[in-house]
Amino acid sequence: MSLLALALLLPQDNAASWPCWRGADGTNVSRESGWSSAGAAEPLWKAQVGRGHSSVAIQGGLLFTQGFDEEHGVDRVSCLDALTGVERWRHEYPAELDANNHGGGTHCTPALGAGVVYSFERRGVLRALDAASGKLLWQRDLAEDFGARPTDYGFGSSPVLAGELVLVNAAKVFALERGSGEVVWETSDLGAYYSTPALCRVGGKEAVASFARPGLNVLELESGAVLAHFPFKKGETSVSAATPVVVDERRLFISAGYGHGAALVDVSGAQPVAQWETKAMRTQLSGVVLVDGCFYGFDETVLKCLDLEGKERWRTRGLGMGALSAADGRLLVLSGNGELVVVAAKPDTYTELARARVLNGSSFWASPALCAGRVYVKSGEGELLCLDHRAPGAR
């Protein structure tokens, strides 16, 4: 699927925005250029938004994220002014920490479209809120009403907007009407718990790639029918948290930790086949980015570059287990040590362009977001910072 065709399905961003998980076109690669690798010495603002690993969604000067408030025992969706950090509104509901050896808190990133913010949460409730006021427009309890049972760490899928549908992984894969919350279709239980779906095109059909515990499923967008299934479960442990990466109209890249590795899967034939598999990219959390024909991501705690043949081009240690995004031929890496490291997205060698300690905490799994020259980073403990990476003359 071309970027243009994909953009017709995804939230539109005719101004500076980052409207959902992995950005406007689902690649985790921003279209912005001209930003500075070295940021200003001090953040523009900081805020406490609650424990968890939700990243941010930004549109129309507003920022949205989710977090768990330990003092009050609630999860909340927060709306902040993206330029000042001033809170505009919050929507709260009762919740528990659900730590389970990973710090606890929320997992999912909101999605924005046509003045509505869609949020999904770890117990299985999907909500639509008015983006300006936070008013609840509708909610659907997928666990209670449709038997979508959370397990281990709860659900981790972020909502994906596709035309008039909102999609979410919740053991089953669901497509709901954006305006009403009515379920248009649901699959059987595919074991899809943590990964966010990716929009793609297969065999001339608009499709959804859903990475689940047993493997990769490609579903017809219109009906939810399974077009292809690629088994990818090795051993008893399986998390499958990373979003599939759409390479082109026939190939999808998947990666998982705990002994799995990665595969480049050709889904164009009657049966999907792996063009290659490798143990060189065992992604546990936020997934990889594809830039100019190379995959960049964390192989557990080692940052790596793989080419389209699956060959490792470089690796670097010492960054811990973090998250990353990309823009303008550069990687924005939030390290497991709370550093923001800017790296050239080039396959020949690891080239570091800037490094600064920006956050304190114990986990940094939310992908950085670049919007209008500002980089937004967040810790698992809920500290959110807005860093000024505009070109020096624009600050």
Protein backbone atom coordinates (compact mmCIF):
# COMPACT_ATOMS: atom_id res chain seq x y z
CA MET A 1 0.00 0.00 0.00
CA SER A 2 1.36 3.42 -0.90
CA LEU A 3 1.67 6.06 1.81
CA LEU A 4 -0.95 8.10 -0.05
CA ALA A 5 -3.47 5.27 -0.05
CA LEU A 6 -2.78 4.50 3.59
CA ALA A 7 -3.22 8.15 4.52
CA LEU A 8 -6.77 8.06 3.14
CA LEU A 9 -7.68 5.54 5.84
CA LEU A 10 -5.68 6.99 8.72
CA PRO A 11 -6.39 10.25 10.59
CA GLN A 12 -5.57 13.25 8.41
CA ASP A 13 -2.84 15.66 9.50
CA ASN A 14 -2.85 18.77 7.37
CA ALA A 15 -1.13 20.61 10.21
CA ALA A 16 1.62 19.49 12.58
CA SER A 17 0.24 16.48 14.41
CA TRP A 18 0.97 13.01 15.75
CA PRO A 19 -2.62 11.81 16.09
CA CYS A 20 -2.23 8.18 17.23
CA TRP A 21 0.13 5.34 18.09
CA ARG A 22 3.01 5.30 15.55
CA GLY A 23 1.91 8.61 14.03
CA ALA A 24 -0.32 9.73 11.19
CA ASP A 25 0.59 6.99 8.71
CA GLY A 26 1.25 4.17 11.19
CA THR A 27 4.97 3.92 10.42
CA ASN A 28 6.36 5.67 13.54
CA VAL A 29 8.29 7.85 11.09
CA SER A 30 7.45 11.57 11.17
CA ARG A 31 7.39 13.59 7.97
CA GLU A 32 8.97 16.57 9.72
CA SER A 33 12.35 17.90 8.64
CA GLY A 34 14.63 20.71 9.72
CA TRP A 35 14.48 19.91 13.44
CA SER A 36 17.59 20.06 15.58
CA SER A 37 19.29 16.88 16.81
CA ALA A 38 20.51 18.78 19.88
CA GLY A 39 17.64 20.04 22.01
CA ALA A 40 17.52 23.07 24.28
CA ALA A 41 19.13 22.70 27.69
CA GLU A 42 15.83 22.79 29.58
CA PRO A 43 12.42 21.29 28.74
CA LEU A 44 9.65 23.64 27.66
CA TRP A 45 7.40 22.04 30.24
CA LYS A 46 6.85 18.88 32.28
CA ALA A 47 3.74 17.25 33.73
CA GLN A 48 2.76 14.20 35.77
CA VAL A 49 0.17 12.24 33.75
CA GLY A 50 0.03 8.93 35.61
CA ARG A 51 1.85 5.63 35.64
CA GLY A 52 2.03 3.47 32.53
CA HIS A 53 3.37 3.21 29.02
CA SER A 54 0.89 5.20 26.94
CA SER A 55 2.60 7.46 24.43
CA VAL A 56 0.97 10.70 23.26
CA ALA A 57 -1.43 11.78 20.52
CA ILE A 58 -1.28 15.39 19.33
CA GLN A 59 -3.57 17.35 17.06
CA GLY A 60 -4.86 20.92 16.87
CA GLY A 61 -2.52 22.10 19.61
CA LEU A 62 -3.87 19.54 22.09
CA LEU A 63 -2.05 16.52 23.54
CA PHE A 64 -3.76 13.38 24.81
CA THR A 65 -2.36 10.52 26.87
CA GLN A 66 -3.41 7.95 29.49
CA GLY A 67 -2.07 7.07 32.92
CA PHE A 68 -2.83 5.49 36.28
CA ASP A 69 -3.20 7.79 39.30
CA GLU A 70 -1.88 5.74 42.22
CA GLU A 71 -3.10 8.14 44.91
CA HIS A 72 -6.73 8.05 43.77
CA GLY A 73 -6.92 4.57 42.24
CA VAL A 74 -8.09 5.73 38.82
CA ASP A 75 -6.99 5.52 35.23
CA ARG A 76 -7.34 8.79 33.39
CA VAL A 77 -7.31 10.18 29.89
CA SER A 78 -5.67 13.60 30.03
CA CYS A 79 -5.88 16.49 27.58
CA LEU A 80 -3.06 19.05 27.83
CA ASP A 81 -2.10 22.10 25.84
CA ALA A 82 0.70 20.76 23.65
CA LEU A 83 2.66 24.03 23.81
CA THR A 84 2.37 24.84 27.53
CA GLY A 85 1.49 21.57 29.29
CA VAL A 86 -1.53 23.16 30.97
CA GLU A 87 -4.23 20.57 31.60
CA ARG A 88 -7.47 21.22 29.72
CA TRP A 89 -9.51 18.30 31.03
CA ARG A 90 -9.30 14.77 32.36
CA HIS A 91 -11.61 11.76 32.17
CA GLU A 92 -11.22 9.25 35.01
CA TYR A 93 -12.55 5.81 35.93
CA PRO A 94 -11.71 3.33 38.73
CA ALA A 95 -8.68 1.11 38.14
CA GLU A 96 -6.01 -0.93 39.91
CA LEU A 97 -2.25 -0.90 39.51
CA ASP A 98 -1.99 -4.39 37.92
CA ALA A 99 1.79 -4.28 38.32
CA ASN A 100 2.52 -7.95 37.46
CA ASN A 101 6.31 -7.43 37.32
CA HIS A 102 6.21 -4.54 34.85
CA GLY A 103 5.51 -1.45 36.96
CA GLY A 104 1.78 -1.35 36.24
CA GLY A 105 -0.42 1.37 34.86
CA THR A 106 -1.93 1.97 31.46
CA HIS A 107 -0.65 0.55 28.17
CA CYS A 108 -2.59 2.10 25.29
CA THR A 109 -2.21 5.37 23.38
CA PRO A 110 -5.32 7.36 22.39
CA ALA A 111 -6.25 8.00 18.75
CA LEU A 112 -7.68 11.26 17.39
CA GLY A 113 -10.01 11.90 14.49
CA ALA A 114 -12.68 14.49 13.59
CA GLY A 115 -12.74 16.06 17.04
CA VAL A 116 -13.07 12.77 18.92
CA VAL A 117 -10.45 10.98 21.02
CA TYR A 118 -10.72 7.19 21.24
CA SER A 119 -9.15 5.43 24.21
CA PHE A 120 -8.85 1.76 25.03
CA GLU A 121 -7.84 0.40 28.42
CA ARG A 122 -6.33 -2.77 29.83
CA ARG A 123 -9.59 -4.20 31.19
CA GLY A 124 -11.33 -4.03 27.80
CA VAL A 125 -13.40 -0.81 27.63
CA LEU A 126 -13.23 1.33 24.50
CA ARG A 127 -14.33 4.96 24.91
CA ALA A 128 -15.05 7.87 22.59
CA LEU A 129 -14.59 11.31 24.16
CA ASP A 130 -15.17 14.77 22.79
CA ALA A 131 -11.66 16.11 22.18
CA ALA A 132 -12.55 19.69 23.17
CA SER A 133 -14.35 18.97 26.43
CA GLY A 134 -13.66 15.37 27.46
CA LYS A 135 -17.38 14.57 27.43
CA LEU A 136 -18.05 10.84 27.10
CA LEU A 137 -19.80 10.21 23.78
CA TRP A 138 -20.01 6.43 24.07
CA GLN A 139 -18.24 3.45 25.59
CA ARG A 140 -18.23 -0.25 24.81
CA ASP A 141 -17.12 -2.92 27.29
CA LEU A 142 -15.67 -5.56 24.98
CA ALA A 143 -14.80 -7.87 27.86
CA GLU A 144 -18.23 -7.78 29.47
CA ASP A 145 -20.37 -7.69 26.33
CA PHE A 146 -18.36 -9.88 23.96
CA GLY A 147 -16.28 -12.16 26.17
CA ALA A 148 -12.94 -10.58 25.26
CA ARG A 149 -10.99 -11.64 28.34
CA PRO A 150 -7.74 -9.88 29.28
CA THR A 151 -4.82 -11.98 30.43
CA ASP A 152 -1.35 -11.54 31.98
CA TYR A 153 -0.85 -7.78 31.57
CA GLY A 154 -4.32 -6.83 30.37
CA PHE A 155 -4.94 -5.54 26.86
CA GLY A 156 -2.26 -3.41 25.25
CA SER A 157 -3.68 -2.47 21.86
CA SER A 158 -4.12 1.17 20.93
CA PRO A 159 -7.15 2.10 18.79
CA VAL A 160 -6.62 2.43 15.03
CA LEU A 161 -8.91 4.58 12.89
CA ALA A 162 -9.75 3.34 9.39
CA GLY A 163 -12.34 5.44 7.59
CA GLU A 164 -15.52 5.24 9.66
CA LEU A 165 -14.21 2.33 11.74
CA VAL A 166 -12.18 2.13 14.92
CA LEU A 167 -10.18 -1.09 15.28
CA VAL A 168 -8.74 -2.68 18.40
CA ASN A 169 -7.08 -5.95 19.42
CA ALA A 170 -8.80 -7.49 22.44
CA ALA A 171 -8.14 -11.25 22.17
CA LYS A 172 -10.59 -10.98 19.29
CA VAL A 173 -10.11 -8.21 16.75
CA PHE A 174 -13.00 -5.74 16.74
CA ALA A 175 -14.18 -3.14 14.25
CA LEU A 176 -16.68 -0.62 15.62
CA GLU A 177 -18.50 2.33 14.12
CA ARG A 178 -16.66 5.46 15.13
CA GLY A 179 -19.87 7.45 15.52
CA SER A 180 -21.88 5.03 17.64
CA GLY A 181 -19.59 2.34 19.05
CA GLU A 182 -21.68 -0.38 17.46
CA VAL A 183 -19.68 -3.48 16.57
CA VAL A 184 -19.47 -3.95 12.80
CA TRP A 185 -17.53 -7.20 12.98
CA GLU A 186 -15.53 -9.29 15.41
CA THR A 187 -13.24 -12.24 14.84
CA SER A 188 -12.98 -15.39 16.87
CA ASP A 189 -10.46 -15.36 19.73
CA LEU A 190 -7.12 -14.97 17.93
CA GLY A 191 -5.04 -14.40 21.06
CA ALA A 192 -4.44 -10.74 20.15
CA TYR A 193 -3.65 -9.02 23.44
CA TYR A 194 -0.80 -6.53 23.29
CA SER A 195 -0.02 -5.54 19.70
CA THR A 196 -1.75 -2.68 17.90
CA PRO A 197 -3.09 -3.58 14.42
CA ALA A 198 -1.59 -2.10 11.25
CA LEU A 199 -3.50 -1.14 8.12
CA CYS A 200 -2.25 -2.69 4.88
CA ARG A 201 -3.40 -3.85 1.46
CA VAL A 202 -3.26 -7.49 0.36
CA GLY A 203 -4.50 -9.02 -2.89
CA GLY A 204 -6.21 -5.80 -3.89
CA LYS A 205 -8.16 -5.63 -0.61
CA GLU A 206 -7.87 -3.16 2.25
CA ALA A 207 -6.70 -5.24 5.17
CA VAL A 208 -5.64 -5.27 8.82
CA ALA A 209 -2.47 -6.95 10.09
CA SER A 210 -2.92 -8.20 13.64
CA PHE A 211 0.00 -9.77 15.53
CA ALA A 212 -1.26 -12.26 18.10
CA ARG A 213 0.23 -14.85 20.41
CA PRO A 214 -0.09 -17.69 17.85
CA GLY A 215 1.21 -15.56 14.97
CA LEU A 216 0.33 -12.99 12.33
CA ASN A 217 -3.22 -12.63 11.00
CA VAL A 218 -4.22 -10.62 7.95
CA LEU A 219 -7.91 -9.70 8.00
CA GLU A 220 -10.15 -8.18 5.38
CA LEU A 221 -10.97 -4.66 6.58
CA GLU A 222 -14.56 -4.75 5.33
CA SER A 223 -15.59 -8.02 6.97
CA GLY A 224 -12.88 -9.19 9.38
CA ALA A 225 -12.47 -12.43 7.41
CA VAL A 226 -9.05 -14.04 7.84
CA LEU A 227 -7.15 -13.70 4.56
CA ALA A 228 -3.90 -15.20 5.82
CA HIS A 229 -2.33 -16.64 8.98
CA PHE A 230 1.39 -17.07 9.58
CA PRO A 231 2.21 -19.17 12.69
CA PHE A 232 4.90 -17.56 14.85
CA LYS A 233 4.95 -19.10 18.32
CA LYS A 234 8.17 -20.70 19.48
CA GLY A 235 8.00 -22.28 22.92
CA GLU A 236 5.57 -21.61 25.73
CA THR A 237 6.20 -17.89 26.23
CA SER A 238 4.71 -15.47 23.76
CA VAL A 239 3.92 -11.77 24.13
CA SER A 240 3.81 -10.41 20.55
CA ALA A 241 3.58 -6.76 21.58
CA ALA A 242 5.07 -4.96 18.58
CA THR A 243 2.95 -3.60 15.73
CA PRO A 244 3.58 -5.31 12.36
CA VAL A 245 5.58 -3.15 9.96
CA VAL A 246 4.13 -2.80 6.46
CA VAL A 247 7.01 -3.04 3.97
CA ASP A 248 4.93 -3.03 0.77
CA GLU A 249 1.74 -4.59 -0.62
CA ARG A 250 2.99 -8.14 -0.13
CA ARG A 251 5.45 -8.09 2.80
CA LEU A 252 5.00 -7.58 6.54
CA PHE A 253 7.71 -7.57 9.20
CA ILE A 254 7.02 -9.02 12.65
CA SER A 255 9.21 -9.30 15.71
CA ALA A 256 8.78 -10.66 19.23
CA GLY A 257 10.94 -11.30 22.29
CA TYR A 258 11.35 -14.29 24.58
CA GLY A 259 13.22 -16.47 22.11
CA HIS A 260 11.20 -15.63 19.02
CA GLY A 261 13.06 -13.17 16.82
CA ALA A 262 11.80 -11.62 13.60
CA ALA A 263 10.40 -12.62 10.22
CA LEU A 264 9.74 -10.93 6.91
CA VAL A 265 6.49 -12.52 5.76
CA ASP A 266 5.23 -12.60 2.18
CA VAL A 267 1.43 -12.65 2.34
CA SER A 268 0.76 -12.33 -1.40
CA GLY A 269 0.34 -16.05 -2.16
CA ALA A 270 -2.23 -18.65 -1.21
CA GLN A 271 -0.25 -19.34 1.97
CA PRO A 272 2.01 -16.78 3.69
CA VAL A 273 5.69 -17.70 3.74
CA ALA A 274 8.70 -16.23 5.51
CA GLN A 275 11.26 -14.76 3.16
CA TRP A 276 13.57 -15.02 6.13
CA GLU A 277 13.57 -15.47 9.88
CA THR A 278 16.25 -14.33 12.31
CA LYS A 279 17.01 -14.26 16.03
CA ALA A 280 18.79 -10.93 15.54
CA MET A 281 15.75 -8.77 16.41
CA ARG A 282 13.80 -9.95 19.46
CA THR A 283 11.52 -6.98 20.05
CA GLN A 284 9.68 -7.04 23.36
CA LEU A 285 7.97 -3.67 23.45
CA SER A 286 7.55 -0.74 21.08
CA GLY A 287 8.67 -2.34 17.83
CA VAL A 288 10.88 -1.23 14.97
CA VAL A 289 10.91 1.50 12.33
CA LEU A 290 11.60 1.05 8.63
CA VAL A 291 13.74 3.81 7.12
CA ASP A 292 15.14 3.66 3.56
CA GLY A 293 15.01 -0.12 3.39
CA CYS A 294 16.42 -0.90 6.84
CA PHE A 295 14.80 -1.95 10.11
CA TYR A 296 15.92 -0.21 13.32
CA GLY A 297 14.90 -1.42 16.74
CA PHE A 298 15.79 -2.97 20.07
CA ASP A 299 16.88 -6.59 20.10
CA GLU A 300 15.98 -6.85 23.78
CA THR A 301 18.62 -4.42 25.17
CA VAL A 302 20.76 -4.01 22.04
CA LEU A 303 19.91 -1.37 19.43
CA LYS A 304 20.34 -2.82 15.93
CA CYS A 305 19.98 -2.19 12.23
CA LEU A 306 18.86 -4.99 9.89
CA ASP A 307 18.54 -4.68 6.14
CA LEU A 308 15.71 -6.05 4.00
CA GLU A 309 17.59 -9.34 3.62
CA GLY A 310 17.66 -9.82 7.38
CA LYS A 311 21.38 -9.14 7.61
CA GLU A 312 22.58 -7.30 10.71
CA ARG A 313 24.33 -4.10 9.66
CA TRP A 314 25.28 -2.71 13.06
CA ARG A 315 24.58 -2.98 16.77
CA THR A 316 25.27 -0.90 19.86
CA ARG A 317 25.01 -1.81 23.52
CA GLY A 318 24.54 0.29 26.63
CA LEU A 319 21.16 1.84 25.84
CA GLY A 320 19.08 -0.65 27.81
CA MET A 321 15.55 -1.54 26.73
CA GLY A 322 13.91 1.55 25.30
CA ALA A 323 11.74 2.83 22.48
CA LEU A 324 12.24 4.77 19.28
CA SER A 325 10.72 6.68 16.39
CA ALA A 326 12.27 8.35 13.35
CA ALA A 327 12.20 11.54 11.27
CA ASP A 328 14.28 13.15 8.53
CA GLY A 329 16.82 10.32 8.31
CA ARG A 330 17.36 10.21 12.05
CA LEU A 331 16.29 7.97 14.92
CA LEU A 332 14.83 9.40 18.12
CA VAL A 333 15.81 6.80 20.72
CA LEU A 334 14.55 6.95 24.29
CA SER A 335 17.00 4.69 26.08
CA GLY A 336 16.31 2.43 29.02
CA ASN A 337 18.40 4.88 31.04
CA GLY A 338 16.13 7.88 30.39
CA GLU A 339 18.36 9.43 27.74
CA LEU A 340 17.18 10.87 24.44
CA VAL A 341 19.72 9.75 21.85
CA VAL A 342 19.56 10.97 18.25
CA VAL A 343 21.17 8.54 15.80
CA ALA A 344 21.69 8.69 12.05
CA ALA A 345 19.36 6.21 10.34
CA LYS A 346 22.12 4.85 8.12
CA PRO A 347 23.05 1.17 7.64
CA ASP A 348 26.81 1.64 7.26
CA THR A 349 27.62 2.41 10.89
CA TYR A 350 26.12 3.55 14.19
CA THR A 351 26.54 7.32 14.29
CA GLU A 352 25.36 9.20 17.34
CA LEU A 353 24.35 12.82 16.69
CA ALA A 354 23.23 13.94 20.16
CA ARG A 355 22.62 12.53 23.62
CA ALA A 356 21.04 14.03 26.73
CA ARG A 357 19.63 12.66 29.98
CA VAL A 358 16.01 13.84 29.99
CA LEU A 359 14.00 11.56 32.34
CA ASN A 360 14.34 9.79 35.65
CA GLY A 361 12.59 6.51 36.38
CA SER A 362 12.81 2.78 35.92
CA SER A 363 11.16 2.15 32.52
CA PHE A 364 10.96 4.10 29.28
CA TRP A 365 8.81 2.14 26.85
CA ALA A 366 6.64 4.88 25.32
CA SER A 367 7.89 5.92 21.89
CA PRO A 368 9.08 9.53 21.56
CA ALA A 369 6.82 11.73 19.44
CA LEU A 370 8.08 14.61 17.29
CA CYS A 371 5.56 17.35 16.52
CA ALA A 372 6.34 20.88 15.31
CA GLY A 373 9.96 20.56 16.35
CA ARG A 374 9.06 19.50 19.88
CA VAL A 375 9.88 16.03 21.17
CA TYR A 376 7.55 14.49 23.76
CA VAL A 377 8.99 11.79 26.02
CA LYS A 378 7.43 9.95 28.95
CA SER A 379 8.58 7.61 31.72
CA GLY A 380 6.74 4.59 33.08
CA GLU A 381 6.24 6.55 36.29
CA GLY A 382 4.23 9.12 34.34
CA GLU A 383 6.60 12.07 33.94
CA LEU A 384 5.92 13.72 30.58
CA LEU A 385 8.35 16.24 29.10
CA CYS A 386 8.16 18.56 26.10
CA LEU A 387 11.68 19.08 24.72
CA ASP A 388 12.55 21.92 22.35
CA HIS A 389 14.21 20.51 19.21
CA ARG A 390 13.23 23.28 16.86
CA ALA A 391 16.03 24.66 14.72
CA PRO A 392 17.96 27.16 16.86
CA GLY A 393 16.64 30.15 14.93
CA ALA A 394 13.03 29.07 15.58
CA ARG A 395 13.31 28.79 19.36
